[in-house]
């Protein structure tokens, strides 16, 4: 038994009908790599499909002189695809752990998600206790908050986009720096926003004369 006659048709309108036999296959294109195959898969990415177009794919099974009727499926690559894992870089900076996130497909010349508003989720836990794992929002360039000093943490990251599944990155582990002597970092950061006016506030927990330095990242 073999699978033969893989065909692909680009949809020109939602009412386009599935073609049922070889005599009416003028609008279908043969997939050369998927003719008379014995496996149960066909790599459609070889066709360099347009991500946002709808396609019909058709297949039949053959055994000797016999063949089945055509089975067909309609799909759109962008709406069907899962989002691949991002790259992750961790660095110890000024007593903090800084995370940089490399978008999926960043090393590809053609990128499906380049213009989608991807956000990212972080799952993090102490290396000694995965039962304490936490999932939170994260952005590239962020210092990871609320980590205990001199402790090994492990984490993984995935992209987030409405109506799409996403794959987690591999796990990465890093040991936080030892506690620094002196001033503790400010706490209870919050932003008050009214129309276009945004003001950052934090708690002053320090005795004596101190000053603060604020930086930002877009």
C-alpha atoms as a PDB file:
ATOM      1  CA  UNK A   1       0.000   0.000   0.000  1.00  0.00           C
ATOM      2  CA  UNK A   2       1.231   3.479  -0.788  1.00  0.00           C
ATOM      3  CA  UNK A   3      -0.018   7.038  -0.651  1.00  0.00           C
ATOM      4  CA  UNK A   4      -0.029   8.756  -4.004  1.00  0.00           C
ATOM      5  CA  UNK A   5      -1.406  11.784  -5.760  1.00  0.00           C
ATOM      6  CA  UNK A   6      -0.765  14.535  -3.196  1.00  0.00           C
ATOM      7  CA  UNK A   7      -2.195  17.754  -4.643  1.00  0.00           C
ATOM      8  CA  UNK A   8      -2.420  21.331  -3.382  1.00  0.00           C
ATOM      9  CA  UNK A   9      -4.817  24.082  -4.394  1.00  0.00           C
ATOM     10  CA  UNK A  10      -4.707  27.709  -3.276  1.00  0.00           C
ATOM     11  CA  UNK A  11      -8.136  28.965  -2.249  1.00  0.00           C
ATOM     12  CA  UNK A  12      -9.439  31.848  -4.326  1.00  0.00           C
ATOM     13  CA  UNK A  13     -12.623  32.287  -2.291  1.00  0.00           C
ATOM     14  CA  UNK A  14     -14.330  30.645   0.718  1.00  0.00           C
ATOM     15  CA  UNK A  15     -16.831  28.963  -1.640  1.00  0.00           C
ATOM     16  CA  UNK A  16     -14.125  27.139  -3.640  1.00  0.00           C
ATOM     17  CA  UNK A  17     -15.146  23.448  -3.802  1.00  0.00           C
ATOM     18  CA  UNK A  18     -12.918  20.458  -3.159  1.00  0.00           C
ATOM     19  CA  UNK A  19     -12.227  18.631  -6.424  1.00  0.00           C
ATOM     20  CA  UNK A  20     -13.021  14.934  -6.241  1.00  0.00           C
ATOM     21  CA  UNK A  21     -11.298  13.174  -9.161  1.00  0.00           C
ATOM     22  CA  UNK A  22      -8.366  13.404 -11.543  1.00  0.00           C
ATOM     23  CA  UNK A  23     -10.497  14.591 -14.475  1.00  0.00           C
ATOM     24  CA  UNK A  24     -11.266  17.844 -12.611  1.00  0.00           C
ATOM     25  CA  UNK A  25      -7.837  18.559 -11.102  1.00  0.00           C
ATOM     26  CA  UNK A  26      -6.867  21.433 -13.435  1.00  0.00           C
ATOM     27  CA  UNK A  27      -6.562  23.901 -10.542  1.00  0.00           C
ATOM     28  CA  UNK A  28      -4.510  21.570  -8.355  1.00  0.00           C
ATOM     29  CA  UNK A  29      -0.708  21.419  -8.253  1.00  0.00           C
ATOM     30  CA  UNK A  30       1.248  18.205  -7.806  1.00  0.00           C
ATOM     31  CA  UNK A  31       3.628  17.982  -4.832  1.00  0.00           C
ATOM     32  CA  UNK A  32       6.572  16.120  -6.429  1.00  0.00           C
ATOM     33  CA  UNK A  33       8.148  15.048  -3.130  1.00  0.00           C
ATOM     34  CA  UNK A  34       4.888  13.430  -2.006  1.00  0.00           C
ATOM     35  CA  UNK A  35       4.058  11.103  -4.878  1.00  0.00           C
ATOM     36  CA  UNK A  36       3.894   7.316  -4.308  1.00  0.00           C
ATOM     37  CA  UNK A  37       5.196   7.597  -0.740  1.00  0.00           C
ATOM     38  CA  UNK A  38       4.794   4.905   1.918  1.00  0.00           C
ATOM     39  CA  UNK A  39       5.094   7.212   4.949  1.00  0.00           C
ATOM     40  CA  UNK A  40       2.108   9.077   6.398  1.00  0.00           C
ATOM     41  CA  UNK A  41       3.463  12.626   6.197  1.00  0.00           C
ATOM     42  CA  UNK A  42       4.246  15.248   3.577  1.00  0.00           C
ATOM     43  CA  UNK A  43       6.387  18.351   4.252  1.00  0.00           C
ATOM     44  CA  UNK A  44       4.305  21.216   2.838  1.00  0.00           C
ATOM     45  CA  UNK A  45       6.853  23.822   3.955  1.00  0.00           C
ATOM     46  CA  UNK A  46       8.918  22.869   0.880  1.00  0.00           C
ATOM     47  CA  UNK A  47       6.298  24.719  -1.186  1.00  0.00           C
ATOM     48  CA  UNK A  48       7.082  28.117   0.403  1.00  0.00           C
ATOM     49  CA  UNK A  49       3.417  28.807   1.113  1.00  0.00           C
ATOM     50  CA  UNK A  50       2.048  32.267   1.726  1.00  0.00           C
ATOM     51  CA  UNK A  51       1.395  32.395   5.478  1.00  0.00           C
ATOM     52  CA  UNK A  52      -1.978  34.139   5.303  1.00  0.00           C
ATOM     53  CA  UNK A  53      -3.534  32.296   2.350  1.00  0.00           C
ATOM     54  CA  UNK A  54      -5.934  29.372   2.597  1.00  0.00           C
ATOM     55  CA  UNK A  55      -5.067  26.118   0.837  1.00  0.00           C
ATOM     56  CA  UNK A  56      -6.727  22.808   0.081  1.00  0.00           C
ATOM     57  CA  UNK A  57      -4.588  19.685   0.228  1.00  0.00           C
ATOM     58  CA  UNK A  58      -5.814  16.391  -1.234  1.00  0.00           C
ATOM     59  CA  UNK A  59      -4.544  12.812  -0.902  1.00  0.00           C
ATOM     60  CA  UNK A  60      -5.586   9.295  -1.876  1.00  0.00           C
ATOM     61  CA  UNK A  61      -4.230   5.822  -1.089  1.00  0.00           C
ATOM     62  CA  UNK A  62      -3.262   3.327  -3.774  1.00  0.00           C
ATOM     63  CA  UNK A  63      -2.745  -0.455  -3.692  1.00  0.00           C
ATOM     64  CA  UNK A  64      -1.892  -2.120  -6.985  1.00  0.00           C
ATOM     65  CA  UNK A  65      -4.496  -1.094  -9.548  1.00  0.00           C
ATOM     66  CA  UNK A  66      -6.926   0.133  -6.872  1.00  0.00           C
ATOM     67  CA  UNK A  67      -7.137   3.651  -5.467  1.00  0.00           C
ATOM     68  CA  UNK A  68      -9.371   5.378  -2.948  1.00  0.00           C
ATOM     69  CA  UNK A  69     -11.390   8.532  -3.408  1.00  0.00           C
ATOM     70  CA  UNK A  70      -9.715  11.809  -2.504  1.00  0.00           C
ATOM     71  CA  UNK A  71      -9.555  13.032   1.123  1.00  0.00           C
ATOM     72  CA  UNK A  72      -9.133  16.791   1.470  1.00  0.00           C
ATOM     73  CA  UNK A  73      -8.256  19.360   4.111  1.00  0.00           C
ATOM     74  CA  UNK A  74      -8.392  23.162   4.067  1.00  0.00           C
ATOM     75  CA  UNK A  75      -5.906  25.119   6.174  1.00  0.00           C
ATOM     76  CA  UNK A  76      -4.136  28.470   6.615  1.00  0.00           C
ATOM     77  CA  UNK A  77      -0.473  28.229   7.739  1.00  0.00           C
ATOM     78  CA  UNK A  78      -0.616  31.275  10.043  1.00  0.00           C
ATOM     79  CA  UNK A  79      -3.744  30.182  11.899  1.00  0.00           C
ATOM     80  CA  UNK A  80      -2.616  26.548  12.133  1.00  0.00           C
ATOM     81  CA  UNK A  81       0.984  27.049  13.234  1.00  0.00           C
ATOM     82  CA  UNK A  82       2.342  26.768  16.750  1.00  0.00           C
ATOM     83  CA  UNK A  83       4.903  29.367  17.833  1.00  0.00           C
ATOM     84  CA  UNK A  84       8.400  27.972  18.226  1.00  0.00           C
ATOM     85  CA  UNK A  85      10.525  28.486  21.339  1.00  0.00           C
ATOM     86  CA  UNK A  86      12.425  31.756  21.793  1.00  0.00           C
ATOM     87  CA  UNK A  87      16.106  32.020  22.586  1.00  0.00           C
ATOM     88  CA  UNK A  88      17.103  33.036  26.122  1.00  0.00           C
ATOM     89  CA  UNK A  89      20.278  34.729  27.427  1.00  0.00           C
ATOM     90  CA  UNK A  90      20.867  35.218  31.166  1.00  0.00           C
ATOM     91  CA  UNK A  91      23.436  37.601  32.631  1.00  0.00           C
ATOM     92  CA  UNK A  92      24.361  38.735  36.131  1.00  0.00           C
ATOM     93  CA  UNK A  93      24.405  42.563  36.127  1.00  0.00           C
ATOM     94  CA  UNK A  94      25.020  44.721  39.222  1.00  0.00           C
ATOM     95  CA  UNK A  95      23.725  42.041  41.564  1.00  0.00           C
ATOM     96  CA  UNK A  96      20.659  41.279  39.438  1.00  0.00           C
ATOM     97  CA  UNK A  97      19.819  38.565  36.910  1.00  0.00           C
ATOM     98  CA  UNK A  98      19.029  40.136  33.538  1.00  0.00           C
ATOM     99  CA  UNK A  99      17.144  38.205  30.847  1.00  0.00           C
ATOM    100  CA  UNK A 100      17.304  38.796  27.102  1.00  0.00           C
ATOM    101  CA  UNK A 101      14.762  37.065  24.870  1.00  0.00           C
ATOM    102  CA  UNK A 102      15.476  36.321  21.213  1.00  0.00           C
ATOM    103  CA  UNK A 103      12.225  36.058  19.184  1.00  0.00           C
ATOM    104  CA  UNK A 104      11.358  32.784  17.434  1.00  0.00           C
ATOM    105  CA  UNK A 105      12.763  32.544  13.884  1.00  0.00           C
ATOM    106  CA  UNK A 106      15.132  35.469  14.544  1.00  0.00           C
ATOM    107  CA  UNK A 107      17.805  33.738  12.459  1.00  0.00           C
ATOM    108  CA  UNK A 108      15.458  33.114   9.510  1.00  0.00           C
ATOM    109  CA  UNK A 109      15.215  35.396   6.476  1.00  0.00           C
ATOM    110  CA  UNK A 110      11.440  34.846   6.298  1.00  0.00           C
ATOM    111  CA  UNK A 111       9.579  35.088   9.610  1.00  0.00           C
ATOM    112  CA  UNK A 112       5.931  34.217  10.221  1.00  0.00           C
ATOM    113  CA  UNK A 113       5.606  36.102  13.527  1.00  0.00           C
ATOM    114  CA  UNK A 114       7.625  39.227  12.661  1.00  0.00           C
ATOM    115  CA  UNK A 115       4.628  41.576  12.712  1.00  0.00           C
ATOM    116  CA  UNK A 116       2.589  39.852  15.435  1.00  0.00           C
ATOM    117  CA  UNK A 117       2.441  41.431  18.923  1.00  0.00           C
ATOM    118  CA  UNK A 118       4.250  38.614  20.733  1.00  0.00           C
ATOM    119  CA  UNK A 119       4.525  38.790  24.509  1.00  0.00           C
ATOM    120  CA  UNK A 120       6.367  36.284  26.685  1.00  0.00           C
ATOM    121  CA  UNK A 121       5.673  34.079  29.694  1.00  0.00           C
ATOM    122  CA  UNK A 122       8.357  33.021  32.173  1.00  0.00           C
ATOM    123  CA  UNK A 123       8.220  29.893  34.319  1.00  0.00           C
ATOM    124  CA  UNK A 124      10.812  29.993  37.101  1.00  0.00           C
ATOM    125  CA  UNK A 125      11.661  27.838  40.110  1.00  0.00           C
ATOM    126  CA  UNK A 126      14.442  27.182  42.589  1.00  0.00           C
ATOM    127  CA  UNK A 127      16.616  24.379  41.335  1.00  0.00           C
ATOM    128  CA  UNK A 128      16.040  22.495  44.601  1.00  0.00           C
ATOM    129  CA  UNK A 129      12.228  22.667  44.423  1.00  0.00           C
ATOM    130  CA  UNK A 130      10.306  22.638  41.139  1.00  0.00           C
ATOM    131  CA  UNK A 131       7.068  22.470  43.162  1.00  0.00           C
ATOM    132  CA  UNK A 132       7.503  26.215  43.851  1.00  0.00           C
ATOM    133  CA  UNK A 133       7.480  27.170  40.168  1.00  0.00           C
ATOM    134  CA  UNK A 134       5.854  30.465  39.199  1.00  0.00           C
ATOM    135  CA  UNK A 135       4.583  31.680  35.821  1.00  0.00           C
ATOM    136  CA  UNK A 136       4.721  35.411  35.143  1.00  0.00           C
ATOM    137  CA  UNK A 137       4.951  37.935  32.320  1.00  0.00           C
ATOM    138  CA  UNK A 138       8.449  38.883  31.232  1.00  0.00           C
ATOM    139  CA  UNK A 139      10.044  41.176  28.653  1.00  0.00           C
ATOM    140  CA  UNK A 140      13.476  41.218  27.095  1.00  0.00           C
ATOM    141  CA  UNK A 141      16.023  43.294  29.020  1.00  0.00           C
ATOM    142  CA  UNK A 142      14.207  42.912  32.332  1.00  0.00           C
ATOM    143  CA  UNK A 143      15.924  42.269  35.657  1.00  0.00           C
ATOM    144  CA  UNK A 144      14.144  39.299  37.234  1.00  0.00           C
ATOM    145  CA  UNK A 145      12.517  40.447  40.491  1.00  0.00           C
ATOM    146  CA  UNK A 146      12.253  38.852  43.940  1.00  0.00           C
ATOM    147  CA  UNK A 147      15.119  36.379  43.585  1.00  0.00           C
ATOM    148  CA  UNK A 148      16.968  35.277  46.703  1.00  0.00           C
ATOM    149  CA  UNK A 149      20.741  35.857  46.707  1.00  0.00           C
ATOM    150  CA  UNK A 150      23.239  33.013  46.306  1.00  0.00           C
ATOM    151  CA  UNK A 151      20.507  30.666  45.019  1.00  0.00           C
ATOM    152  CA  UNK A 152      20.289  28.622  41.812  1.00  0.00           C
ATOM    153  CA  UNK A 153      17.131  29.253  39.770  1.00  0.00           C
ATOM    154  CA  UNK A 154      15.987  27.473  36.631  1.00  0.00           C
ATOM    155  CA  UNK A 155      13.584  28.913  34.082  1.00  0.00           C
ATOM    156  CA  UNK A 156      12.052  28.572  30.652  1.00  0.00           C
ATOM    157  CA  UNK A 157      10.261  31.051  28.382  1.00  0.00           C
ATOM    158  CA  UNK A 158       7.567  30.841  25.721  1.00  0.00           C
ATOM    159  CA  UNK A 159       5.888  33.343  23.434  1.00  0.00           C
ATOM    160  CA  UNK A 160       2.248  34.269  23.909  1.00  0.00           C
ATOM    161  CA  UNK A 161      -0.225  35.224  21.173  1.00  0.00           C
ATOM    162  CA  UNK A 162      -4.007  34.961  21.256  1.00  0.00           C
ATOM    163  CA  UNK A 163      -5.435  31.793  19.641  1.00  0.00           C
ATOM    164  CA  UNK A 164      -1.997  30.204  19.199  1.00  0.00           C
ATOM    165  CA  UNK A 165      -0.174  27.479  21.069  1.00  0.00           C
ATOM    166  CA  UNK A 166       3.502  28.077  21.813  1.00  0.00           C
ATOM    167  CA  UNK A 167       6.435  25.848  22.726  1.00  0.00           C
ATOM    168  CA  UNK A 168       8.592  26.413  25.798  1.00  0.00           C
ATOM    169  CA  UNK A 169      12.296  27.106  25.406  1.00  0.00           C
ATOM    170  CA  UNK A 170      14.838  24.690  26.869  1.00  0.00           C
ATOM    171  CA  UNK A 171      15.478  25.085  30.599  1.00  0.00           C
ATOM    172  CA  UNK A 172      18.228  27.484  31.686  1.00  0.00           C
ATOM    173  CA  UNK A 173      19.744  27.694  35.160  1.00  0.00           C
ATOM    174  CA  UNK A 174      21.747  30.479  36.836  1.00  0.00           C
ATOM    175  CA  UNK A 175      23.023  31.157  40.331  1.00  0.00           C
ATOM    176  CA  UNK A 176      22.143  34.571  41.709  1.00  0.00           C
ATOM    177  CA  UNK A 177      24.943  36.751  43.110  1.00  0.00           C
ATOM    178  CA  UNK A 178      25.632  36.839  46.802  1.00  0.00           C
ATOM    179  CA  UNK A 179      23.850  39.534  48.788  1.00  0.00           C
ATOM    180  CA  UNK A 180      25.503  42.937  48.547  1.00  0.00           C
ATOM    181  CA  UNK A 181      26.369  44.810  51.708  1.00  0.00           C
ATOM    182  CA  UNK A 182      24.771  48.204  52.028  1.00  0.00           C
ATOM    183  CA  UNK A 183      21.470  49.565  50.705  1.00  0.00           C
ATOM    184  CA  UNK A 184      18.610  47.286  49.693  1.00  0.00           C
ATOM    185  CA  UNK A 185      16.889  48.055  46.358  1.00  0.00           C
ATOM    186  CA  UNK A 186      13.720  50.191  46.365  1.00  0.00           C
ATOM    187  CA  UNK A 187      10.437  48.318  46.781  1.00  0.00           C
ATOM    188  CA  UNK A 188       6.755  48.648  45.865  1.00  0.00           C
ATOM    189  CA  UNK A 189       7.314  50.230  42.457  1.00  0.00           C
ATOM    190  CA  UNK A 190       4.096  51.440  40.807  1.00  0.00           C
ATOM    191  CA  UNK A 191       3.019  53.761  38.008  1.00  0.00           C
ATOM    192  CA  UNK A 192       0.192  56.279  38.231  1.00  0.00           C
ATOM    193  CA  UNK A 193      -1.133  57.146  34.770  1.00  0.00           C
ATOM    194  CA  UNK A 194      -3.720  59.758  33.790  1.00  0.00           C
ATOM    195  CA  UNK A 195      -4.201  60.264  30.060  1.00  0.00           C
ATOM    196  CA  UNK A 196      -0.655  60.765  28.700  1.00  0.00           C
ATOM    197  CA  UNK A 197       0.864  61.617  32.098  1.00  0.00           C
ATOM    198  CA  UNK A 198       2.732  58.739  33.803  1.00  0.00           C
ATOM    199  CA  UNK A 199       4.474  59.005  37.172  1.00  0.00           C
ATOM    200  CA  UNK A 200       6.587  56.287  38.783  1.00  0.00           C
ATOM    201  CA  UNK A 201       6.422  55.976  42.581  1.00  0.00           C
ATOM    202  CA  UNK A 202       8.304  53.807  45.087  1.00  0.00           C
ATOM    203  CA  UNK A 203       8.611  53.540  48.863  1.00  0.00           C
ATOM    204  CA  UNK A 204      11.339  55.399  50.751  1.00  0.00           C
ATOM    205  CA  UNK A 205      12.532  52.898  53.355  1.00  0.00           C
ATOM    206  CA  UNK A 206      15.893  54.504  54.046  1.00  0.00           C
ATOM    207  CA  UNK A 207      17.217  56.502  56.949  1.00  0.00           C
ATOM    208  CA  UNK A 208      19.299  59.555  56.354  1.00  0.00           C
ATOM    209  CA  UNK A 209      19.990  61.440  53.159  1.00  0.00           C
ATOM    210  CA  UNK A 210      19.694  59.296  50.012  1.00  0.00           C
ATOM    211  CA  UNK A 211      19.085  59.934  46.310  1.00  0.00           C
ATOM    212  CA  UNK A 212      17.592  57.715  43.598  1.00  0.00           C
ATOM    213  CA  UNK A 213      18.518  57.030  39.970  1.00  0.00           C
ATOM    214  CA  UNK A 214      15.868  55.840  37.488  1.00  0.00           C
ATOM    215  CA  UNK A 215      16.529  54.265  34.078  1.00  0.00           C
ATOM    216  CA  UNK A 216      14.188  52.944  31.398  1.00  0.00           C
ATOM    217  CA  UNK A 217      14.117  50.482  28.524  1.00  0.00           C
ATOM    218  CA  UNK A 218      11.757  50.542  25.540  1.00  0.00           C
END
